[in-house]
Amino acid sequence: MGIIDNINKLFDHRIRLGIMSILVVNEDADFNRLKELLDVTDGNLASHIKALEQAEYILVEKSFIGRKPNTSYSATKLGKAAFKKHIDALEKLIGKTN
C-alpha cells in the first residue's frame, strides 16, 4: 500500500479540510464560527458539513441558547483518526519527516 492510498478523498475540498482542521484543534465550533473562520456561504458550508456528517467524521448537536437555536459540531474519534491519517500521508508525500 503506497502513501497515496492514505490520502482521503473526502478531505480533497479545502472547505472540508478547513472544517476538520478547526474541529480537531477545538473541542467544538458552531455554524456561525465555522462560517466566519472559513469565509463561506451558509449553503456551501452546510453541504460540506453534511458530507462529513454522513461519513461519521463529525457530530452535530442542536440546542437552544435562550430562545435561539444553536448548532454545534465536533470531530468524532473516527473523524480525528481519518484526518490524522490524511495529514500524515500528505506530510510523507511532500517529504516531511517526523
PDB file of N, CA and C in Angstrom:
ATOM      1  N   MET A   1       0.846  -1.185   0.000  1.00  0.00           N
ATOM      2  CA  MET A   1       0.000   0.000   0.000  1.00  0.00           C
ATOM      3  C   MET A   1       0.884   1.239   0.000  1.00  0.00           C
ATOM      4  N   GLY A   2       0.683   2.133  -0.947  1.00  0.00           N
ATOM      5  CA  GLY A   2       1.504   3.326  -1.070  1.00  0.00           C
ATOM      6  C   GLY A   2       0.978   4.485  -0.242  1.00  0.00           C
ATOM      7  N   ILE A   3       1.777   5.512  -0.142  1.00  0.00           N
ATOM      8  CA  ILE A   3       1.415   6.724   0.596  1.00  0.00           C
ATOM      9  C   ILE A   3       0.108   7.304   0.064  1.00  0.00           C
ATOM     10  N   ILE A   4      -0.016   7.321  -1.232  1.00  0.00           N
ATOM     11  CA  ILE A   4      -1.179   7.931  -1.874  1.00  0.00           C
ATOM     12  C   ILE A   4      -2.486   7.251  -1.461  1.00  0.00           C
ATOM     13  N   ASP A   5      -2.417   5.982  -1.052  1.00  0.00           N
ATOM     14  CA  ASP A   5      -3.620   5.258  -0.620  1.00  0.00           C
ATOM     15  C   ASP A   5      -4.212   5.826   0.671  1.00  0.00           C
ATOM     16  N   ASN A   6      -3.390   6.524   1.447  1.00  0.00           N
ATOM     17  CA  ASN A   6      -3.882   7.109   2.696  1.00  0.00           C
ATOM     18  C   ASN A   6      -4.446   8.519   2.515  1.00  0.00           C
ATOM     19  N   ILE A   7      -4.376   9.037   1.293  1.00  0.00           N
ATOM     20  CA  ILE A   7      -4.978  10.337   1.009  1.00  0.00           C
ATOM     21  C   ILE A   7      -6.490  10.128   0.962  1.00  0.00           C
ATOM     22  N   ASN A   8      -7.214  10.879   1.782  1.00  0.00           N
ATOM     23  CA  ASN A   8      -8.659  10.706   1.902  1.00  0.00           C
ATOM     24  C   ASN A   8      -9.378  11.665   0.952  1.00  0.00           C
ATOM     25  N   LYS A   9     -10.119  11.108   0.006  1.00  0.00           N
ATOM     26  CA  LYS A   9     -10.828  11.918  -0.993  1.00  0.00           C
ATOM     27  C   LYS A   9     -11.811  12.892  -0.351  1.00  0.00           C
ATOM     28  N   LEU A  10     -12.347  12.541   0.805  1.00  0.00           N
ATOM     29  CA  LEU A  10     -13.307  13.413   1.471  1.00  0.00           C
ATOM     30  C   LEU A  10     -12.662  14.736   1.896  1.00  0.00           C
ATOM     31  N   PHE A  11     -11.354  14.713   2.112  1.00  0.00           N
ATOM     32  CA  PHE A  11     -10.656  15.930   2.530  1.00  0.00           C
ATOM     33  C   PHE A  11     -10.044  16.684   1.351  1.00  0.00           C
ATOM     34  N   ASP A  12     -10.378  16.279   0.125  1.00  0.00           N
ATOM     35  CA  ASP A  12      -9.850  16.958  -1.060  1.00  0.00           C
ATOM     36  C   ASP A  12     -10.285  18.416  -1.151  1.00  0.00           C
ATOM     37  N   HIS A  13     -11.497  18.684  -0.699  1.00  0.00           N
ATOM     38  CA  HIS A  13     -12.011  20.040  -0.813  1.00  0.00           C
ATOM     39  C   HIS A  13     -11.515  20.909   0.341  1.00  0.00           C
ATOM     40  N   ARG A  14     -11.096  22.125   0.030  1.00  0.00           N
ATOM     41  CA  ARG A  14     -10.498  22.999   1.054  1.00  0.00           C
ATOM     42  C   ARG A  14     -11.460  23.320   2.205  1.00  0.00           C
ATOM     43  N   ILE A  15     -12.760  23.380   1.919  1.00  0.00           N
ATOM     44  CA  ILE A  15     -13.712  23.699   2.990  1.00  0.00           C
ATOM     45  C   ILE A  15     -13.826  22.525   3.967  1.00  0.00           C
ATOM     46  N   ARG A  16     -13.898  21.290   3.453  1.00  0.00           N
ATOM     47  CA  ARG A  16     -13.954  20.122   4.357  1.00  0.00           C
ATOM     48  C   ARG A  16     -12.640  19.992   5.125  1.00  0.00           C
ATOM     49  N   LEU A  17     -11.539  20.270   4.462  1.00  0.00           N
ATOM     50  CA  LEU A  17     -10.237  20.251   5.135  1.00  0.00           C
ATOM     51  C   LEU A  17     -10.219  21.307   6.245  1.00  0.00           C
ATOM     52  N   GLY A  18     -10.771  22.473   5.952  1.00  0.00           N
ATOM     53  CA  GLY A  18     -10.842  23.561   6.931  1.00  0.00           C
ATOM     54  C   GLY A  18     -11.734  23.216   8.116  1.00  0.00           C
ATOM     55  N   ILE A  19     -12.894  22.638   7.837  1.00  0.00           N
ATOM     56  CA  ILE A  19     -13.819  22.249   8.913  1.00  0.00           C
ATOM     57  C   ILE A  19     -13.118  21.283   9.863  1.00  0.00           C
ATOM     58  N   MET A  20     -12.493  20.255   9.295  1.00  0.00           N
ATOM     59  CA  MET A  20     -11.817  19.260  10.131  1.00  0.00           C
ATOM     60  C   MET A  20     -10.637  19.865  10.895  1.00  0.00           C
ATOM     61  N   SER A  21      -9.897  20.754  10.251  1.00  0.00           N
ATOM     62  CA  SER A  21      -8.771  21.407  10.920  1.00  0.00           C
ATOM     63  C   SER A  21      -9.247  22.165  12.152  1.00  0.00           C
ATOM     64  N   ILE A  22     -10.346  22.884  12.008  1.00  0.00           N
ATOM     65  CA  ILE A  22     -10.905  23.655  13.124  1.00  0.00           C
ATOM     66  C   ILE A  22     -11.399  22.721  14.222  1.00  0.00           C
ATOM     67  N   LEU A  23     -12.119  21.664  13.848  1.00  0.00           N
ATOM     68  CA  LEU A  23     -12.716  20.781  14.850  1.00  0.00           C
ATOM     69  C   LEU A  23     -11.707  19.863  15.531  1.00  0.00           C
ATOM     70  N   VAL A  24     -10.575  19.614  14.908  1.00  0.00           N
ATOM     71  CA  VAL A  24      -9.553  18.777  15.531  1.00  0.00           C
ATOM     72  C   VAL A  24      -8.806  19.565  16.622  1.00  0.00           C
ATOM     73  N   VAL A  25      -8.638  20.864  16.422  1.00  0.00           N
ATOM     74  CA  VAL A  25      -7.909  21.662  17.419  1.00  0.00           C
ATOM     75  C   VAL A  25      -8.822  22.336  18.446  1.00  0.00           C
ATOM     76  N   ASN A  26     -10.122  22.384  18.157  1.00  0.00           N
ATOM     77  CA  ASN A  26     -11.102  22.934  19.109  1.00  0.00           C
ATOM     78  C   ASN A  26     -12.058  21.820  19.514  1.00  0.00           C
ATOM     79  N   GLU A  27     -12.550  21.892  20.727  1.00  0.00           N
ATOM     80  CA  GLU A  27     -13.478  20.848  21.178  1.00  0.00           C
ATOM     81  C   GLU A  27     -14.732  20.831  20.313  1.00  0.00           C
ATOM     82  N   ASP A  28     -15.207  22.024  19.963  1.00  0.00           N
ATOM     83  CA  ASP A  28     -16.353  22.148  19.067  1.00  0.00           C
ATOM     84  C   ASP A  28     -16.390  23.558  18.490  1.00  0.00           C
ATOM     85  N   ALA A  29     -17.283  23.768  17.544  1.00  0.00           N
ATOM     86  CA  ALA A  29     -17.494  25.081  16.943  1.00  0.00           C
ATOM     87  C   ALA A  29     -18.919  25.122  16.423  1.00  0.00           C
ATOM     88  N   ASP A  30     -19.551  26.305  16.520  1.00  0.00           N
ATOM     89  CA  ASP A  30     -20.911  26.395  15.997  1.00  0.00           C
ATOM     90  C   ASP A  30     -20.882  26.832  14.533  1.00  0.00           C
ATOM     91  N   PHE A  31     -22.048  26.795  13.916  1.00  0.00           N
ATOM     92  CA  PHE A  31     -22.158  27.064  12.482  1.00  0.00           C
ATOM     93  C   PHE A  31     -21.591  28.437  12.129  1.00  0.00           C
ATOM     94  N   ASN A  32     -21.985  29.454  12.906  1.00  0.00           N
ATOM     95  CA  ASN A  32     -21.538  30.816  12.588  1.00  0.00           C
ATOM     96  C   ASN A  32     -20.032  30.974  12.734  1.00  0.00           C
ATOM     97  N   ARG A  33     -19.441  30.307  13.708  1.00  0.00           N
ATOM     98  CA  ARG A  33     -17.983  30.365  13.898  1.00  0.00           C
ATOM     99  C   ARG A  33     -17.262  29.719  12.711  1.00  0.00           C
ATOM    100  N   LEU A  34     -17.733  28.553  12.291  1.00  0.00           N
ATOM    101  CA  LEU A  34     -17.148  27.891  11.121  1.00  0.00           C
ATOM    102  C   LEU A  34     -17.290  28.772   9.882  1.00  0.00           C
ATOM    103  N   LYS A  35     -18.470  29.353   9.709  1.00  0.00           N
ATOM    104  CA  LYS A  35     -18.747  30.198   8.545  1.00  0.00           C
ATOM    105  C   LYS A  35     -17.794  31.396   8.527  1.00  0.00           C
ATOM    106  N   GLU A  36     -17.610  31.995   9.697  1.00  0.00           N
ATOM    107  CA  GLU A  36     -16.737  33.165   9.823  1.00  0.00           C
ATOM    108  C   GLU A  36     -15.269  32.796   9.558  1.00  0.00           C
ATOM    109  N   LEU A  37     -14.798  31.720  10.162  1.00  0.00           N
ATOM    110  CA  LEU A  37     -13.401  31.310  10.002  1.00  0.00           C
ATOM    111  C   LEU A  37     -13.074  30.887   8.576  1.00  0.00           C
ATOM    112  N   LEU A  38     -14.034  30.245   7.912  1.00  0.00           N
ATOM    113  CA  LEU A  38     -13.790  29.719   6.566  1.00  0.00           C
ATOM    114  C   LEU A  38     -14.220  30.675   5.458  1.00  0.00           C
ATOM    115  N   ASP A  39     -14.970  31.727   5.829  1.00  0.00           N
ATOM    116  CA  ASP A  39     -15.432  32.745   4.878  1.00  0.00           C
ATOM    117  C   ASP A  39     -16.196  32.110   3.711  1.00  0.00           C
ATOM    118  N   VAL A  40     -17.273  31.391   4.066  1.00  0.00           N
ATOM    119  CA  VAL A  40     -18.101  30.703   3.075  1.00  0.00           C
ATOM    120  C   VAL A  40     -19.573  31.048   3.287  1.00  0.00           C
ATOM    121  N   THR A  41     -20.400  30.733   2.299  1.00  0.00           N
ATOM    122  CA  THR A  41     -21.837  30.972   2.413  1.00  0.00           C
ATOM    123  C   THR A  41     -22.482  29.873   3.267  1.00  0.00           C
ATOM    124  N   ASP A  42     -23.676  30.142   3.749  1.00  0.00           N
ATOM    125  CA  ASP A  42     -24.424  29.162   4.545  1.00  0.00           C
ATOM    126  C   ASP A  42     -24.599  27.853   3.785  1.00  0.00           C
ATOM    127  N   GLY A  43     -25.083  27.956   2.542  1.00  0.00           N
ATOM    128  CA  GLY A  43     -25.360  26.755   1.743  1.00  0.00           C
ATOM    129  C   GLY A  43     -24.114  25.935   1.457  1.00  0.00           C
ATOM    130  N   ASN A  44     -23.025  26.624   1.160  1.00  0.00           N
ATOM    131  CA  ASN A  44     -21.768  25.954   0.865  1.00  0.00           C
ATOM    132  C   ASN A  44     -21.271  25.203   2.100  1.00  0.00           C
ATOM    133  N   LEU A  45     -21.281  25.876   3.242  1.00  0.00           N
ATOM    134  CA  LEU A  45     -20.828  25.247   4.482  1.00  0.00           C
ATOM    135  C   LEU A  45     -21.726  24.061   4.841  1.00  0.00           C
ATOM    136  N   ALA A  46     -23.034  24.255   4.721  1.00  0.00           N
ATOM    137  CA  ALA A  46     -23.990  23.192   5.077  1.00  0.00           C
ATOM    138  C   ALA A  46     -23.766  21.925   4.248  1.00  0.00           C
ATOM    139  N   SER A  47     -23.481  22.069   2.962  1.00  0.00           N
ATOM    140  CA  SER A  47     -23.295  20.875   2.121  1.00  0.00           C
ATOM    141  C   SER A  47     -22.016  20.124   2.502  1.00  0.00           C
ATOM    142  N   HIS A  48     -20.966  20.851   2.862  1.00  0.00           N
ATOM    143  CA  HIS A  48     -19.720  20.194   3.267  1.00  0.00           C
ATOM    144  C   HIS A  48     -19.858  19.549   4.649  1.00  0.00           C
ATOM    145  N   ILE A  49     -20.601  20.193   5.533  1.00  0.00           N
ATOM    146  CA  ILE A  49     -20.861  19.621   6.855  1.00  0.00           C
ATOM    147  C   ILE A  49     -21.632  18.310   6.691  1.00  0.00           C
ATOM    148  N   LYS A  50     -22.620  18.321   5.813  1.00  0.00           N
ATOM    149  CA  LYS A  50     -23.439  17.119   5.582  1.00  0.00           C
ATOM    150  C   LYS A  50     -22.573  15.947   5.099  1.00  0.00           C
ATOM    151  N   ALA A  51     -21.628  16.211   4.207  1.00  0.00           N
ATOM    152  CA  ALA A  51     -20.740  15.154   3.703  1.00  0.00           C
ATOM    153  C   ALA A  51     -19.906  14.568   4.839  1.00  0.00           C
ATOM    154  N   LEU A  52     -19.387  15.430   5.715  1.00  0.00           N
ATOM    155  CA  LEU A  52     -18.576  14.955   6.842  1.00  0.00           C
ATOM    156  C   LEU A  52     -19.433  14.232   7.878  1.00  0.00           C
ATOM    157  N   GLU A  53     -20.670  14.708   8.056  1.00  0.00           N
ATOM    158  CA  GLU A  53     -21.586  14.058   8.997  1.00  0.00           C
ATOM    159  C   GLU A  53     -21.975  12.664   8.483  1.00  0.00           C
ATOM    160  N   GLN A  54     -22.238  12.540   7.187  1.00  0.00           N
ATOM    161  CA  GLN A  54     -22.615  11.240   6.611  1.00  0.00           C
ATOM    162  C   GLN A  54     -21.477  10.230   6.732  1.00  0.00           C
ATOM    163  N   ALA A  55     -20.239  10.710   6.688  1.00  0.00           N
ATOM    164  CA  ALA A  55     -19.079   9.825   6.845  1.00  0.00           C
ATOM    165  C   ALA A  55     -18.809   9.519   8.321  1.00  0.00           C
ATOM    166  N   GLU A  56     -19.609  10.134   9.212  1.00  0.00           N
ATOM    167  CA  GLU A  56     -19.472   9.997  10.664  1.00  0.00           C
ATOM    168  C   GLU A  56     -18.139  10.548  11.169  1.00  0.00           C
ATOM    169  N   TYR A  57     -17.642  11.595  10.483  1.00  0.00           N
ATOM    170  CA  TYR A  57     -16.407  12.263  10.894  1.00  0.00           C
ATOM    171  C   TYR A  57     -16.698  13.422  11.851  1.00  0.00           C
ATOM    172  N   ILE A  58     -17.937  13.927  11.808  1.00  0.00           N
ATOM    173  CA  ILE A  58     -18.316  14.979  12.742  1.00  0.00           C
ATOM    174  C   ILE A  58     -19.656  14.652  13.382  1.00  0.00           C
ATOM    175  N   LEU A  59     -19.842  15.204  14.566  1.00  0.00           N
ATOM    176  CA  LEU A  59     -21.074  15.028  15.321  1.00  0.00           C
ATOM    177  C   LEU A  59     -21.791  16.374  15.348  1.00  0.00           C
ATOM    178  N   VAL A  60     -23.076  16.369  15.083  1.00  0.00           N
ATOM    179  CA  VAL A  60     -23.879  17.582  15.058  1.00  0.00           C
ATOM    180  C   VAL A  60     -24.760  17.598  16.302  1.00  0.00           C
ATOM    181  N   GLU A  61     -24.703  18.704  17.051  1.00  0.00           N
ATOM    182  CA  GLU A  61     -25.544  18.840  18.244  1.00  0.00           C
ATOM    183  C   GLU A  61     -26.374  20.103  18.138  1.00  0.00           C
ATOM    184  N   LYS A  62     -27.686  19.923  18.218  1.00  0.00           N
ATOM    185  CA  LYS A  62     -28.598  21.063  18.144  1.00  0.00           C
ATOM    186  C   LYS A  62     -29.118  21.360  19.546  1.00  0.00           C
ATOM    187  N   SER A  63     -29.109  22.651  19.894  1.00  0.00           N
ATOM    188  CA  SER A  63     -29.607  23.058  21.207  1.00  0.00           C
ATOM    189  C   SER A  63     -30.177  24.468  21.094  1.00  0.00           C
ATOM    190  N   PHE A  64     -30.628  24.995  22.210  1.00  0.00           N
ATOM    191  CA  PHE A  64     -31.115  26.371  22.245  1.00  0.00           C
ATOM    192  C   PHE A  64     -30.284  27.161  23.231  1.00  0.00           C
ATOM    193  N   ILE A  65     -29.933  28.371  22.830  1.00  0.00           N
ATOM    194  CA  ILE A  65     -29.288  29.317  23.745  1.00  0.00           C
ATOM    195  C   ILE A  65     -30.323  30.410  23.915  1.00  0.00           C
ATOM    196  N   GLY A  66     -30.946  30.412  25.101  1.00  0.00           N
ATOM    197  CA  GLY A  66     -32.125  31.258  25.280  1.00  0.00           C
ATOM    198  C   GLY A  66     -33.206  30.698  24.373  1.00  0.00           C
ATOM    199  N   ARG A  67     -33.730  31.531  23.493  1.00  0.00           N
ATOM    200  CA  ARG A  67     -34.753  31.057  22.551  1.00  0.00           C
ATOM    201  C   ARG A  67     -34.192  30.837  21.146  1.00  0.00           C
ATOM    202  N   LYS A  68     -32.889  31.070  20.993  1.00  0.00           N
ATOM    203  CA  LYS A  68     -32.284  30.941  19.672  1.00  0.00           C
ATOM    204  C   LYS A  68     -31.689  29.550  19.472  1.00  0.00           C
ATOM    205  N   PRO A  69     -32.016  28.925  18.339  1.00  0.00           N
ATOM    206  CA  PRO A  69     -31.414  27.619  18.056  1.00  0.00           C
ATOM    207  C   PRO A  69     -29.910  27.760  17.801  1.00  0.00           C
ATOM    208  N   ASN A  70     -29.170  26.793  18.258  1.00  0.00           N
ATOM    209  CA  ASN A  70     -27.721  26.789  18.051  1.00  0.00           C
ATOM    210  C   ASN A  70     -27.299  25.382  17.632  1.00  0.00           C
ATOM    211  N   THR A  71     -26.493  25.320  16.589  1.00  0.00           N
ATOM    212  CA  THR A  71     -25.982  24.039  16.119  1.00  0.00           C
ATOM    213  C   THR A  71     -24.472  24.053  16.265  1.00  0.00           C
ATOM    214  N   SER A  72     -23.958  23.063  16.993  1.00  0.00           N
ATOM    215  CA  SER A  72     -22.502  22.989  17.135  1.00  0.00           C
ATOM    216  C   SER A  72     -22.009  21.648  16.599  1.00  0.00           C
ATOM    217  N   TYR A  73     -20.748  21.644  16.244  1.00  0.00           N
ATOM    218  CA  TYR A  73     -20.134  20.486  15.593  1.00  0.00           C
ATOM    219  C   TYR A  73     -18.868  20.112  16.330  1.00  0.00           C
ATOM    220  N   SER A  74     -18.586  18.828  16.373  1.00  0.00           N
ATOM    221  CA  SER A  74     -17.333  18.347  16.949  1.00  0.00           C
ATOM    222  C   SER A  74     -16.851  17.162  16.109  1.00  0.00           C
ATOM    223  N   ALA A  75     -15.541  16.957  16.123  1.00  0.00           N
ATOM    224  CA  ALA A  75     -14.965  15.833  15.382  1.00  0.00           C
ATOM    225  C   ALA A  75     -15.153  14.559  16.195  1.00  0.00           C
ATOM    226  N   THR A  76     -15.526  13.478  15.533  1.00  0.00           N
ATOM    227  CA  THR A  76     -15.654  12.179  16.193  1.00  0.00           C
ATOM    228  C   THR A  76     -14.267  11.526  16.274  1.00  0.00           C
ATOM    229  N   LYS A  77     -14.162  10.456  17.053  1.00  0.00           N
ATOM    230  CA  LYS A  77     -12.898   9.701  17.109  1.00  0.00           C
ATOM    231  C   LYS A  77     -12.509   9.219  15.715  1.00  0.00           C
ATOM    232  N   LEU A  78     -13.502   8.707  14.991  1.00  0.00           N
ATOM    233  CA  LEU A  78     -13.277   8.229  13.636  1.00  0.00           C
ATOM    234  C   LEU A  78     -12.774   9.366  12.735  1.00  0.00           C
ATOM    235  N   GLY A  79     -13.407  10.526  12.864  1.00  0.00           N
ATOM    236  CA  GLY A  79     -13.016  11.687  12.068  1.00  0.00           C
ATOM    237  C   GLY A  79     -11.607  12.150  12.370  1.00  0.00           C
ATOM    238  N   LYS A  80     -11.276  12.200  13.656  1.00  0.00           N
ATOM    239  CA  LYS A  80      -9.921  12.615  14.057  1.00  0.00           C
ATOM    240  C   LYS A  80      -8.872  11.643  13.530  1.00  0.00           C
ATOM    241  N   ALA A  81      -9.168  10.351  13.614  1.00  0.00           N
ATOM    242  CA  ALA A  81      -8.223   9.326  13.138  1.00  0.00           C
ATOM    243  C   ALA A  81      -8.046   9.420  11.619  1.00  0.00           C
ATOM    244  N   ALA A  82      -9.151   9.595  10.889  1.00  0.00           N
ATOM    245  CA  ALA A  82      -9.084   9.705   9.429  1.00  0.00           C
ATOM    246  C   ALA A  82      -8.313  10.959   9.019  1.00  0.00           C
ATOM    247  N   PHE A  83      -8.542  12.054   9.733  1.00  0.00           N
ATOM    248  CA  PHE A  83      -7.864  13.309   9.424  1.00  0.00           C
ATOM    249  C   PHE A  83      -6.366  13.194   9.686  1.00  0.00           C
ATOM    250  N   LYS A  84      -6.001  12.575  10.807  1.00  0.00           N
ATOM    251  CA  LYS A  84      -4.579  12.398  11.141  1.00  0.00           C
ATOM    252  C   LYS A  84      -3.890  11.537  10.082  1.00  0.00           C
ATOM    253  N   LYS A  85      -4.560  10.466   9.678  1.00  0.00           N
ATOM    254  CA  LYS A  85      -4.004   9.577   8.650  1.00  0.00           C
ATOM    255  C   LYS A  85      -3.783  10.354   7.341  1.00  0.00           C
ATOM    256  N   HIS A  86      -4.746  11.202   6.994  1.00  0.00           N
ATOM    257  CA  HIS A  86      -4.670  12.018   5.784  1.00  0.00           C
ATOM    258  C   HIS A  86      -3.490  13.003   5.865  1.00  0.00           C
ATOM    259  N   ILE A  87      -3.381  13.698   6.988  1.00  0.00           N
ATOM    260  CA  ILE A  87      -2.300  14.681   7.176  1.00  0.00           C
ATOM    261  C   ILE A  87      -0.935  13.980   7.173  1.00  0.00           C
ATOM    262  N   ASP A  88      -0.853  12.846   7.856  1.00  0.00           N
ATOM    263  CA  ASP A  88       0.410  12.076   7.865  1.00  0.00           C
ATOM    264  C   ASP A  88       0.805  11.678   6.441  1.00  0.00           C
ATOM    265  N   ALA A  89      -0.169  11.254   5.643  1.00  0.00           N
ATOM    266  CA  ALA A  89       0.108  10.852   4.259  1.00  0.00           C
ATOM    267  C   ALA A  89       0.591  12.050   3.439  1.00  0.00           C
ATOM    268  N   LEU A  90      -0.041  13.204   3.652  1.00  0.00           N
ATOM    269  CA  LEU A  90       0.387  14.411   2.933  1.00  0.00           C
ATOM    270  C   LEU A  90       1.821  14.783   3.304  1.00  0.00           C
ATOM    271  N   GLU A  91       2.132  14.682   4.603  1.00  0.00           N
ATOM    272  CA  GLU A  91       3.480  15.015   5.068  1.00  0.00           C
ATOM    273  C   GLU A  91       4.513  14.075   4.444  1.00  0.00           C
ATOM    274  N   LYS A  92       4.188  12.795   4.388  1.00  0.00           N
ATOM    275  CA  LYS A  92       5.100  11.824   3.769  1.00  0.00           C
ATOM    276  C   LYS A  92       5.258  12.116   2.278  1.00  0.00           C
ATOM    277  N   LEU A  93       4.153  12.477   1.664  1.00  0.00           N
ATOM    278  CA  LEU A  93       4.155  12.767   0.231  1.00  0.00           C
ATOM    279  C   LEU A  93       5.075  13.949  -0.101  1.00  0.00           C
ATOM    280  N   ILE A  94       5.091  14.949   0.764  1.00  0.00           N
ATOM    281  CA  ILE A  94       5.943  16.126   0.490  1.00  0.00           C
ATOM    282  C   ILE A  94       7.337  15.978   1.109  1.00  0.00           C
ATOM    283  N   GLY A  95       7.551  14.831   1.750  1.00  0.00           N
ATOM    284  CA  GLY A  95       8.899  14.528   2.234  1.00  0.00           C
ATOM    285  C   GLY A  95       9.245  15.022   3.623  1.00  0.00           C
ATOM    286  N   LYS A  96       8.224  15.438   4.390  1.00  0.00           N
ATOM    287  CA  LYS A  96       8.474  15.875   5.755  1.00  0.00           C
ATOM    288  C   LYS A  96       8.678  14.649   6.618  1.00  0.00           C
ATOM    289  N   THR A  97       9.697  14.647   7.456  1.00  0.00           N
ATOM    290  CA  THR A  97       9.935  13.508   8.348  1.00  0.00           C
ATOM    291  C   THR A  97       9.533  13.859   9.767  1.00  0.00           C
ATOM    292  N   ASN A  98       9.013  12.875  10.458  1.00  0.00           N
ATOM    293  CA  ASN A  98       8.612  13.078  11.856  1.00  0.00           C
ATOM    294  C   ASN A  98       9.604  12.421  12.774  1.00  0.00           C
TER     295      ASN A  98
END
